Amino acid sequence: MAPILQVYLGAQITKPTDPTKSNAIFKGWFTDDTYTTPWNFGQDYVEKTITLHAKWEELAVDTYDVTFESNGGTAVAPQHDLEAGAQVVKPNDPTRSGYTFARMVHRPNV
């Protein structure tokens, strides 16, 4: 967001469009970096050089673990903390004496 470079003493600031950020909700502009004093664009006036700080509420990101059951074949390492919608990385095919690996089958909640 571009800074406002010049504002006259005693002037009000025009409220900018709310910024956006992935996985967060914008909660307003504050005069301090501890977010205790909100800036009210309809009531507050510039009395000195200021920096307004954007306050964000981070959204929880769902993560999942993926495990692989090789049914008697060599172990396949699980993949942990994958964010919802992420691609699972194809692991190396397991091996088992006397068998040829065909494919993994998705069985949710097993």
N, C-alpha and C. Protein backbone atom coordinates (compact mmCIF):
# COMPACT_ATOMS: atom_id res chain seq x y z
N MET A 1 0.85 -1.16 0.00
CA MET A 1 0.00 0.00 0.00
C MET A 1 0.90 1.23 0.00
N ALA A 2 0.60 2.15 -0.89
CA ALA A 2 1.42 3.36 -1.00
C ALA A 2 1.17 4.29 0.19
N PRO A 3 2.24 4.83 0.76
CA PRO A 3 2.06 5.76 1.89
C PRO A 3 1.49 7.09 1.41
N ILE A 4 0.77 7.77 2.30
CA ILE A 4 0.34 9.14 2.04
C ILE A 4 1.51 10.02 2.46
N LEU A 5 2.07 10.74 1.52
CA LEU A 5 3.30 11.46 1.81
C LEU A 5 3.08 12.83 2.45
N GLN A 6 1.95 13.47 2.15
CA GLN A 6 1.74 14.80 2.70
C GLN A 6 0.29 14.97 3.12
N VAL A 7 0.09 15.29 4.38
CA VAL A 7 -1.23 15.58 4.93
C VAL A 7 -1.05 16.83 5.78
N TYR A 8 -1.97 17.73 5.68
CA TYR A 8 -1.87 18.97 6.46
C TYR A 8 -2.24 18.73 7.92
N LEU A 9 -1.56 19.43 8.80
CA LEU A 9 -1.83 19.36 10.23
C LEU A 9 -3.30 19.69 10.47
N GLY A 10 -3.96 18.84 11.24
CA GLY A 10 -5.37 19.03 11.54
C GLY A 10 -6.31 18.45 10.51
N ALA A 11 -5.77 17.84 9.46
CA ALA A 11 -6.62 17.25 8.42
C ALA A 11 -7.03 15.83 8.79
N GLN A 12 -8.10 15.38 8.16
CA GLN A 12 -8.49 13.98 8.29
C GLN A 12 -7.90 13.21 7.13
N ILE A 13 -7.71 11.92 7.34
CA ILE A 13 -7.18 11.03 6.31
C ILE A 13 -8.35 10.29 5.68
N THR A 14 -8.34 10.18 4.36
CA THR A 14 -9.35 9.38 3.66
C THR A 14 -9.04 7.91 3.90
N LYS A 15 -10.06 7.17 4.31
CA LYS A 15 -9.87 5.74 4.59
C LYS A 15 -9.54 5.00 3.30
N PRO A 16 -8.41 4.29 3.27
CA PRO A 16 -8.07 3.51 2.08
C PRO A 16 -8.91 2.23 2.01
N THR A 17 -8.88 1.61 0.86
CA THR A 17 -9.52 0.30 0.71
C THR A 17 -8.84 -0.67 1.66
N ASP A 18 -9.63 -1.50 2.33
CA ASP A 18 -9.05 -2.48 3.24
C ASP A 18 -8.08 -3.40 2.49
N PRO A 19 -6.90 -3.60 3.03
CA PRO A 19 -5.95 -4.52 2.40
C PRO A 19 -6.40 -5.96 2.58
N THR A 20 -5.83 -6.85 1.80
CA THR A 20 -6.13 -8.28 1.93
C THR A 20 -4.83 -9.04 2.13
N LYS A 21 -4.96 -10.18 2.76
CA LYS A 21 -3.81 -11.04 3.04
C LYS A 21 -4.32 -12.47 3.09
N SER A 22 -3.59 -13.37 2.46
CA SER A 22 -3.97 -14.78 2.45
C SER A 22 -4.04 -15.33 3.87
N ASN A 23 -5.09 -16.08 4.16
CA ASN A 23 -5.29 -16.74 5.46
C ASN A 23 -5.37 -15.77 6.63
N ALA A 24 -5.91 -14.56 6.38
CA ALA A 24 -6.05 -13.59 7.47
C ALA A 24 -7.23 -12.66 7.20
N ILE A 25 -7.78 -12.11 8.28
CA ILE A 25 -8.87 -11.14 8.20
C ILE A 25 -8.32 -9.80 8.68
N PHE A 26 -8.55 -8.75 7.89
CA PHE A 26 -8.12 -7.41 8.27
C PHE A 26 -9.03 -6.90 9.39
N LYS A 27 -8.43 -6.42 10.49
CA LYS A 27 -9.19 -5.98 11.66
C LYS A 27 -9.14 -4.47 11.89
N GLY A 28 -8.48 -3.73 11.03
CA GLY A 28 -8.49 -2.28 11.15
C GLY A 28 -7.10 -1.67 11.23
N TRP A 29 -7.09 -0.32 11.28
CA TRP A 29 -5.86 0.46 11.37
C TRP A 29 -5.68 0.95 12.80
N PHE A 30 -4.43 0.89 13.29
CA PHE A 30 -4.12 1.27 14.67
C PHE A 30 -2.92 2.20 14.68
N THR A 31 -2.88 3.08 15.69
CA THR A 31 -1.79 4.05 15.78
C THR A 31 -0.54 3.48 16.44
N ASP A 32 -0.65 2.28 17.00
CA ASP A 32 0.48 1.67 17.69
C ASP A 32 0.66 0.23 17.22
N ASP A 33 1.87 -0.28 17.35
CA ASP A 33 2.15 -1.64 16.87
C ASP A 33 1.71 -2.73 17.84
N THR A 34 1.06 -2.34 18.93
CA THR A 34 0.46 -3.33 19.84
C THR A 34 -1.05 -3.39 19.65
N TYR A 35 -1.55 -2.61 18.72
CA TYR A 35 -2.96 -2.62 18.30
C TYR A 35 -3.93 -2.31 19.44
N THR A 36 -3.60 -1.32 20.26
CA THR A 36 -4.50 -0.94 21.34
C THR A 36 -5.29 0.33 21.03
N THR A 37 -4.80 1.16 20.09
CA THR A 37 -5.48 2.42 19.80
C THR A 37 -5.90 2.46 18.33
N PRO A 38 -7.18 2.18 18.06
CA PRO A 38 -7.64 2.20 16.66
C PRO A 38 -7.71 3.63 16.12
N TRP A 39 -7.50 3.76 14.81
CA TRP A 39 -7.64 5.05 14.14
C TRP A 39 -9.06 5.12 13.60
N ASN A 40 -9.78 6.18 13.92
CA ASN A 40 -11.14 6.38 13.43
C ASN A 40 -11.09 7.42 12.32
N PHE A 41 -11.26 6.98 11.08
CA PHE A 41 -11.13 7.87 9.93
C PHE A 41 -12.18 8.97 9.91
N GLY A 42 -13.32 8.75 10.56
CA GLY A 42 -14.36 9.76 10.58
C GLY A 42 -14.22 10.77 11.70
N GLN A 43 -13.35 10.49 12.68
CA GLN A 43 -13.23 11.38 13.84
C GLN A 43 -11.81 11.86 14.12
N ASP A 44 -10.80 11.07 13.77
CA ASP A 44 -9.42 11.42 14.13
C ASP A 44 -8.81 12.39 13.12
N TYR A 45 -7.94 13.27 13.63
CA TYR A 45 -7.24 14.27 12.82
C TYR A 45 -5.74 14.09 13.00
N VAL A 46 -5.00 14.40 11.94
CA VAL A 46 -3.55 14.30 11.98
C VAL A 46 -2.99 15.45 12.82
N GLU A 47 -2.28 15.11 13.88
CA GLU A 47 -1.69 16.11 14.77
C GLU A 47 -0.16 16.08 14.73
N LYS A 48 0.40 15.04 14.09
CA LYS A 48 1.86 14.87 13.99
C LYS A 48 2.12 13.79 12.95
N THR A 49 3.38 13.53 12.65
CA THR A 49 3.73 12.43 11.75
C THR A 49 3.33 11.12 12.42
N ILE A 50 2.61 10.28 11.69
CA ILE A 50 2.12 9.01 12.25
C ILE A 50 2.34 7.88 11.27
N THR A 51 2.35 6.69 11.81
CA THR A 51 2.31 5.46 11.03
C THR A 51 1.11 4.68 11.52
N LEU A 52 0.24 4.29 10.62
CA LEU A 52 -0.89 3.44 10.99
C LEU A 52 -0.51 1.99 10.70
N HIS A 53 -0.83 1.12 11.63
CA HIS A 53 -0.47 -0.30 11.55
C HIS A 53 -1.71 -1.14 11.26
N ALA A 54 -1.61 -2.02 10.27
CA ALA A 54 -2.71 -2.92 9.95
C ALA A 54 -2.73 -4.07 10.95
N LYS A 55 -3.90 -4.33 11.51
CA LYS A 55 -4.05 -5.46 12.42
C LYS A 55 -4.70 -6.61 11.65
N TRP A 56 -4.15 -7.81 11.84
CA TRP A 56 -4.64 -9.00 11.15
C TRP A 56 -5.01 -10.07 12.15
N GLU A 57 -6.05 -10.80 11.84
CA GLU A 57 -6.41 -12.00 12.61
C GLU A 57 -6.11 -13.18 11.71
N GLU A 58 -5.12 -13.95 12.10
CA GLU A 58 -4.72 -15.11 11.29
C GLU A 58 -5.80 -16.18 11.36
N LEU A 59 -6.13 -16.77 10.22
CA LEU A 59 -7.10 -17.85 10.17
C LEU A 59 -6.38 -19.18 10.36
N ALA A 60 -7.04 -20.08 11.03
CA ALA A 60 -6.47 -21.42 11.21
C ALA A 60 -6.43 -22.12 9.86
N VAL A 61 -5.34 -22.79 9.60
CA VAL A 61 -5.19 -23.55 8.36
C VAL A 61 -5.30 -25.02 8.72
N ASP A 62 -6.25 -25.70 8.09
CA ASP A 62 -6.40 -27.13 8.35
C ASP A 62 -5.22 -27.88 7.74
N THR A 63 -4.65 -28.79 8.52
CA THR A 63 -3.57 -29.64 8.01
C THR A 63 -3.94 -31.10 8.24
N TYR A 64 -3.36 -31.95 7.43
CA TYR A 64 -3.68 -33.37 7.46
C TYR A 64 -2.41 -34.20 7.36
N ASP A 65 -2.49 -35.43 7.85
CA ASP A 65 -1.43 -36.41 7.69
C ASP A 65 -1.91 -37.46 6.70
N VAL A 66 -1.01 -37.93 5.86
CA VAL A 66 -1.33 -38.99 4.90
C VAL A 66 -0.43 -40.17 5.23
N THR A 67 -1.05 -41.32 5.46
CA THR A 67 -0.29 -42.54 5.73
C THR A 67 -0.52 -43.53 4.60
N PHE A 68 0.43 -44.43 4.43
CA PHE A 68 0.39 -45.40 3.34
C PHE A 68 0.48 -46.80 3.95
N GLU A 69 -0.46 -47.67 3.63
CA GLU A 69 -0.45 -49.06 4.07
C GLU A 69 0.00 -49.90 2.89
N SER A 70 1.19 -50.50 2.99
CA SER A 70 1.75 -51.24 1.86
C SER A 70 1.38 -52.71 1.85
N ASN A 71 0.52 -53.15 2.77
CA ASN A 71 0.02 -54.53 2.79
C ASN A 71 1.12 -55.58 2.68
N GLY A 72 2.10 -55.48 3.57
CA GLY A 72 3.18 -56.46 3.60
C GLY A 72 4.39 -56.07 2.78
N GLY A 73 4.31 -54.96 2.08
CA GLY A 73 5.46 -54.47 1.31
C GLY A 73 6.36 -53.61 2.19
N THR A 74 7.39 -53.09 1.57
CA THR A 74 8.29 -52.21 2.31
C THR A 74 7.54 -50.98 2.81
N ALA A 75 8.02 -50.43 3.91
CA ALA A 75 7.35 -49.28 4.52
C ALA A 75 7.41 -48.06 3.61
N VAL A 76 6.33 -47.29 3.64
CA VAL A 76 6.26 -46.02 2.91
C VAL A 76 6.08 -44.93 3.96
N ALA A 77 6.97 -43.96 3.95
CA ALA A 77 6.95 -42.89 4.97
C ALA A 77 5.67 -42.06 4.85
N PRO A 78 5.07 -41.72 5.99
CA PRO A 78 3.89 -40.84 5.96
C PRO A 78 4.27 -39.41 5.59
N GLN A 79 3.30 -38.64 5.18
CA GLN A 79 3.50 -37.22 4.89
C GLN A 79 2.66 -36.44 5.89
N HIS A 80 3.31 -35.56 6.64
CA HIS A 80 2.66 -34.86 7.75
C HIS A 80 2.39 -33.39 7.44
N ASP A 81 1.36 -32.88 8.08
CA ASP A 81 1.03 -31.45 8.07
C ASP A 81 0.83 -30.88 6.67
N LEU A 82 0.12 -31.61 5.82
CA LEU A 82 -0.21 -31.10 4.50
C LEU A 82 -1.40 -30.16 4.65
N GLU A 83 -1.31 -28.97 4.08
CA GLU A 83 -2.43 -28.03 4.15
C GLU A 83 -3.56 -28.52 3.27
N ALA A 84 -4.79 -28.21 3.67
CA ALA A 84 -5.96 -28.59 2.90
C ALA A 84 -5.79 -28.13 1.46
N GLY A 85 -6.03 -29.04 0.52
CA GLY A 85 -5.90 -28.72 -0.90
C GLY A 85 -4.52 -28.96 -1.48
N ALA A 86 -3.54 -29.28 -0.64
CA ALA A 86 -2.18 -29.50 -1.12
C ALA A 86 -2.08 -30.85 -1.84
N GLN A 87 -1.15 -30.95 -2.74
CA GLN A 87 -0.89 -32.20 -3.45
C GLN A 87 -0.06 -33.12 -2.57
N VAL A 88 -0.41 -34.39 -2.55
CA VAL A 88 0.40 -35.41 -1.89
C VAL A 88 1.53 -35.76 -2.84
N VAL A 89 2.75 -35.81 -2.32
CA VAL A 89 3.91 -36.17 -3.15
C VAL A 89 3.91 -37.69 -3.32
N LYS A 90 3.99 -38.14 -4.58
CA LYS A 90 3.99 -39.58 -4.84
C LYS A 90 5.24 -40.20 -4.24
N PRO A 91 5.05 -41.16 -3.33
CA PRO A 91 6.21 -41.82 -2.73
C PRO A 91 6.78 -42.87 -3.68
N ASN A 92 7.95 -43.39 -3.32
CA ASN A 92 8.49 -44.52 -4.08
C ASN A 92 7.56 -45.71 -3.91
N ASP A 93 7.44 -46.50 -4.95
CA ASP A 93 6.58 -47.69 -4.87
C ASP A 93 7.16 -48.68 -3.86
N PRO A 94 6.30 -49.27 -3.03
CA PRO A 94 6.78 -50.30 -2.11
C PRO A 94 7.13 -51.57 -2.89
N THR A 95 7.95 -52.40 -2.30
CA THR A 95 8.28 -53.69 -2.92
C THR A 95 7.89 -54.81 -1.97
N ARG A 96 7.61 -55.97 -2.57
CA ARG A 96 7.27 -57.16 -1.78
C ARG A 96 7.68 -58.37 -2.61
N SER A 97 8.44 -59.25 -2.01
CA SER A 97 8.94 -60.43 -2.72
C SER A 97 7.78 -61.24 -3.31
N GLY A 98 7.88 -61.55 -4.59
CA GLY A 98 6.88 -62.36 -5.26
C GLY A 98 5.69 -61.56 -5.79
N TYR A 99 5.72 -60.24 -5.64
CA TYR A 99 4.60 -59.40 -6.07
C TYR A 99 5.11 -58.26 -6.95
N THR A 100 4.21 -57.78 -7.81
CA THR A 100 4.47 -56.58 -8.60
C THR A 100 3.51 -55.50 -8.11
N PHE A 101 4.05 -54.34 -7.75
CA PHE A 101 3.21 -53.25 -7.26
C PHE A 101 2.36 -52.72 -8.41
N ALA A 102 1.04 -52.58 -8.17
CA ALA A 102 0.13 -52.07 -9.20
C ALA A 102 -0.21 -50.60 -8.98
N ARG A 103 -0.72 -50.26 -7.79
CA ARG A 103 -1.11 -48.87 -7.52
C ARG A 103 -1.53 -48.72 -6.06
N MET A 104 -1.58 -47.48 -5.60
CA MET A 104 -2.15 -47.17 -4.29
C MET A 104 -3.64 -46.94 -4.49
N VAL A 105 -4.43 -47.32 -3.51
CA VAL A 105 -5.87 -47.11 -3.55
C VAL A 105 -6.24 -46.19 -2.39
N HIS A 106 -7.00 -45.15 -2.69
CA HIS A 106 -7.42 -44.19 -1.67
C HIS A 106 -8.58 -44.78 -0.87
N ARG A 107 -8.38 -44.88 0.44
CA ARG A 107 -9.45 -45.33 1.35
C ARG A 107 -9.52 -44.32 2.48
N PRO A 108 -10.44 -43.35 2.37
CA PRO A 108 -10.51 -42.30 3.40
C PRO A 108 -10.93 -42.84 4.75
N ASN A 109 -10.39 -42.21 5.79
CA ASN A 109 -10.78 -42.50 7.18
C ASN A 109 -10.55 -43.94 7.60
N VAL A 110 -9.51 -44.55 7.06
CA VAL A 110 -9.20 -45.93 7.46
C VAL A 110 -8.08 -45.90 8.47
